[in-house]
Amino acid sequence: MAAAKTMRVIARTALVLDPAQPPVLPGHPVNLPAAEAVRLIAEGHAEPAGPAAQAETAQ
């Protein structure tokens, strides 16, 4: 079984991805399934994360 593709995005608005967890706040990166990430980008709720955001979260 192939692993699901994920995409790192940066929230533009507060994102409630799981009601049991705190929301992802604007400006914070998050990994999402690719289809969900594309939808949120298209709706203006997130933007693609560049290499700088990925390096920042790796620390």
N, C-alpha and C. Protein backbone atom coordinates (compact mmCIF):
# COMPACT_ATOMS: atom_id res chain seq x y z
N MET A 1 0.85 -1.18 0.00
CA MET A 1 0.00 0.00 0.00
C MET A 1 0.89 1.24 0.00
N ALA A 2 0.64 2.18 -0.89
CA ALA A 2 1.44 3.39 -1.00
C ALA A 2 1.10 4.36 0.13
N ALA A 3 2.11 5.06 0.59
CA ALA A 3 1.89 6.06 1.64
C ALA A 3 1.13 7.25 1.05
N ALA A 4 0.25 7.80 1.85
CA ALA A 4 -0.52 8.96 1.41
C ALA A 4 0.42 10.16 1.28
N LYS A 5 0.26 10.92 0.21
CA LYS A 5 1.10 12.10 0.01
C LYS A 5 0.63 13.20 0.94
N THR A 6 1.60 13.89 1.53
CA THR A 6 1.28 15.01 2.39
C THR A 6 1.93 16.26 1.84
N MET A 7 1.44 17.38 2.28
CA MET A 7 1.94 18.67 1.83
C MET A 7 1.99 19.60 3.04
N ARG A 8 3.08 20.34 3.15
CA ARG A 8 3.21 21.31 4.25
C ARG A 8 2.65 22.63 3.78
N VAL A 9 1.77 23.20 4.59
CA VAL A 9 1.18 24.50 4.30
C VAL A 9 1.32 25.39 5.53
N ILE A 10 1.16 26.68 5.32
CA ILE A 10 1.15 27.64 6.42
C ILE A 10 -0.27 28.20 6.50
N ALA A 11 -0.84 28.13 7.68
CA ALA A 11 -2.22 28.59 7.89
C ALA A 11 -2.32 30.10 7.70
N ARG A 12 -3.34 30.54 7.00
CA ARG A 12 -3.65 31.97 6.88
C ARG A 12 -4.75 32.34 7.87
N THR A 13 -5.58 31.37 8.20
CA THR A 13 -6.65 31.55 9.18
C THR A 13 -6.50 30.43 10.20
N ALA A 14 -7.17 30.54 11.34
CA ALA A 14 -7.14 29.46 12.32
C ALA A 14 -7.82 28.24 11.71
N LEU A 15 -7.12 27.11 11.71
CA LEU A 15 -7.65 25.89 11.11
C LEU A 15 -7.98 24.88 12.21
N VAL A 16 -9.23 24.46 12.26
CA VAL A 16 -9.64 23.41 13.19
C VAL A 16 -9.64 22.12 12.39
N LEU A 17 -8.56 21.37 12.53
CA LEU A 17 -8.40 20.13 11.77
C LEU A 17 -8.96 18.94 12.54
N ASP A 18 -8.94 19.04 13.86
CA ASP A 18 -9.45 17.98 14.73
C ASP A 18 -10.08 18.67 15.93
N PRO A 19 -11.39 18.50 16.14
CA PRO A 19 -12.05 19.18 17.25
C PRO A 19 -11.45 18.85 18.62
N ALA A 20 -10.77 17.73 18.73
CA ALA A 20 -10.17 17.34 20.01
C ALA A 20 -8.81 18.00 20.23
N GLN A 21 -8.28 18.69 19.23
CA GLN A 21 -6.97 19.34 19.31
C GLN A 21 -7.13 20.85 19.18
N PRO A 22 -6.17 21.62 19.71
CA PRO A 22 -6.25 23.07 19.51
C PRO A 22 -6.09 23.42 18.03
N PRO A 23 -6.64 24.55 17.60
CA PRO A 23 -6.52 24.94 16.19
C PRO A 23 -5.09 25.28 15.81
N VAL A 24 -4.81 25.18 14.51
CA VAL A 24 -3.54 25.63 13.97
C VAL A 24 -3.71 27.13 13.74
N LEU A 25 -2.85 27.92 14.37
CA LEU A 25 -2.99 29.37 14.31
C LEU A 25 -2.38 29.94 13.03
N PRO A 26 -2.88 31.11 12.59
CA PRO A 26 -2.32 31.75 11.40
C PRO A 26 -0.81 31.92 11.52
N GLY A 27 -0.11 31.61 10.44
CA GLY A 27 1.34 31.73 10.39
C GLY A 27 2.08 30.46 10.79
N HIS A 28 1.36 29.46 11.28
CA HIS A 28 2.00 28.22 11.71
C HIS A 28 1.93 27.17 10.60
N PRO A 29 3.01 26.41 10.42
CA PRO A 29 3.01 25.35 9.40
C PRO A 29 2.32 24.09 9.92
N VAL A 30 1.80 23.31 8.99
CA VAL A 30 1.16 22.04 9.33
C VAL A 30 1.27 21.11 8.12
N ASN A 31 1.45 19.83 8.38
CA ASN A 31 1.44 18.82 7.31
C ASN A 31 0.02 18.29 7.17
N LEU A 32 -0.47 18.26 5.94
CA LEU A 32 -1.83 17.79 5.66
C LEU A 32 -1.81 16.82 4.50
N PRO A 33 -2.83 15.97 4.40
CA PRO A 33 -2.96 15.17 3.18
C PRO A 33 -3.04 16.13 1.99
N ALA A 34 -2.44 15.75 0.88
CA ALA A 34 -2.33 16.65 -0.28
C ALA A 34 -3.68 17.20 -0.73
N ALA A 35 -4.71 16.37 -0.78
CA ALA A 35 -6.03 16.84 -1.24
C ALA A 35 -6.59 17.92 -0.31
N GLU A 36 -6.44 17.72 0.99
CA GLU A 36 -6.91 18.71 1.97
C GLU A 36 -6.11 20.00 1.85
N ALA A 37 -4.80 19.89 1.67
CA ALA A 37 -3.93 21.06 1.53
C ALA A 37 -4.32 21.87 0.30
N VAL A 38 -4.54 21.20 -0.81
CA VAL A 38 -4.91 21.89 -2.05
C VAL A 38 -6.25 22.61 -1.87
N ARG A 39 -7.20 21.98 -1.21
CA ARG A 39 -8.51 22.59 -0.97
C ARG A 39 -8.37 23.85 -0.12
N LEU A 40 -7.59 23.77 0.97
CA LEU A 40 -7.42 24.92 1.86
C LEU A 40 -6.68 26.06 1.16
N ILE A 41 -5.72 25.74 0.31
CA ILE A 41 -5.01 26.76 -0.46
C ILE A 41 -5.98 27.43 -1.43
N ALA A 42 -6.78 26.64 -2.13
CA ALA A 42 -7.74 27.19 -3.10
C ALA A 42 -8.78 28.08 -2.42
N GLU A 43 -9.16 27.75 -1.19
CA GLU A 43 -10.15 28.54 -0.46
C GLU A 43 -9.53 29.74 0.25
N GLY A 44 -8.19 29.86 0.20
CA GLY A 44 -7.52 31.00 0.81
C GLY A 44 -7.24 30.85 2.29
N HIS A 45 -7.40 29.64 2.84
CA HIS A 45 -7.17 29.42 4.28
C HIS A 45 -5.72 29.07 4.59
N ALA A 46 -4.93 28.76 3.56
CA ALA A 46 -3.54 28.36 3.75
C ALA A 46 -2.74 28.73 2.51
N GLU A 47 -1.41 28.69 2.66
CA GLU A 47 -0.53 28.91 1.51
C GLU A 47 0.57 27.85 1.56
N PRO A 48 1.12 27.51 0.42
CA PRO A 48 2.19 26.49 0.40
C PRO A 48 3.37 26.97 1.24
N ALA A 49 3.95 26.05 1.98
CA ALA A 49 5.12 26.38 2.79
C ALA A 49 6.37 26.19 1.94
N GLY A 50 7.25 27.14 1.98
CA GLY A 50 8.51 27.05 1.24
C GLY A 50 9.58 26.34 2.07
N PRO A 51 10.76 26.19 1.51
CA PRO A 51 11.85 25.53 2.23
C PRO A 51 12.22 26.20 3.54
N ALA A 52 12.07 27.53 3.65
CA ALA A 52 12.42 28.23 4.89
C ALA A 52 11.50 27.79 6.03
N ALA A 53 10.22 27.61 5.75
CA ALA A 53 9.28 27.18 6.79
C ALA A 53 9.58 25.75 7.20
N GLN A 54 9.97 24.91 6.26
CA GLN A 54 10.30 23.52 6.58
C GLN A 54 11.55 23.45 7.45
N ALA A 55 12.54 24.30 7.16
CA ALA A 55 13.78 24.31 7.95
C ALA A 55 13.50 24.82 9.36
N GLU A 56 12.62 25.80 9.47
CA GLU A 56 12.29 26.38 10.78
C GLU A 56 11.63 25.34 11.68
N THR A 57 10.75 24.53 11.13
CA THR A 57 10.04 23.54 11.94
C THR A 57 10.90 22.32 12.23
N ALA A 58 11.99 22.12 11.51
CA ALA A 58 12.85 20.98 11.73
C ALA A 58 13.73 21.16 12.97
N GLN A 59 13.88 22.39 13.44
CA GLN A 59 14.75 22.65 14.58
C GLN A 59 14.13 22.20 15.87
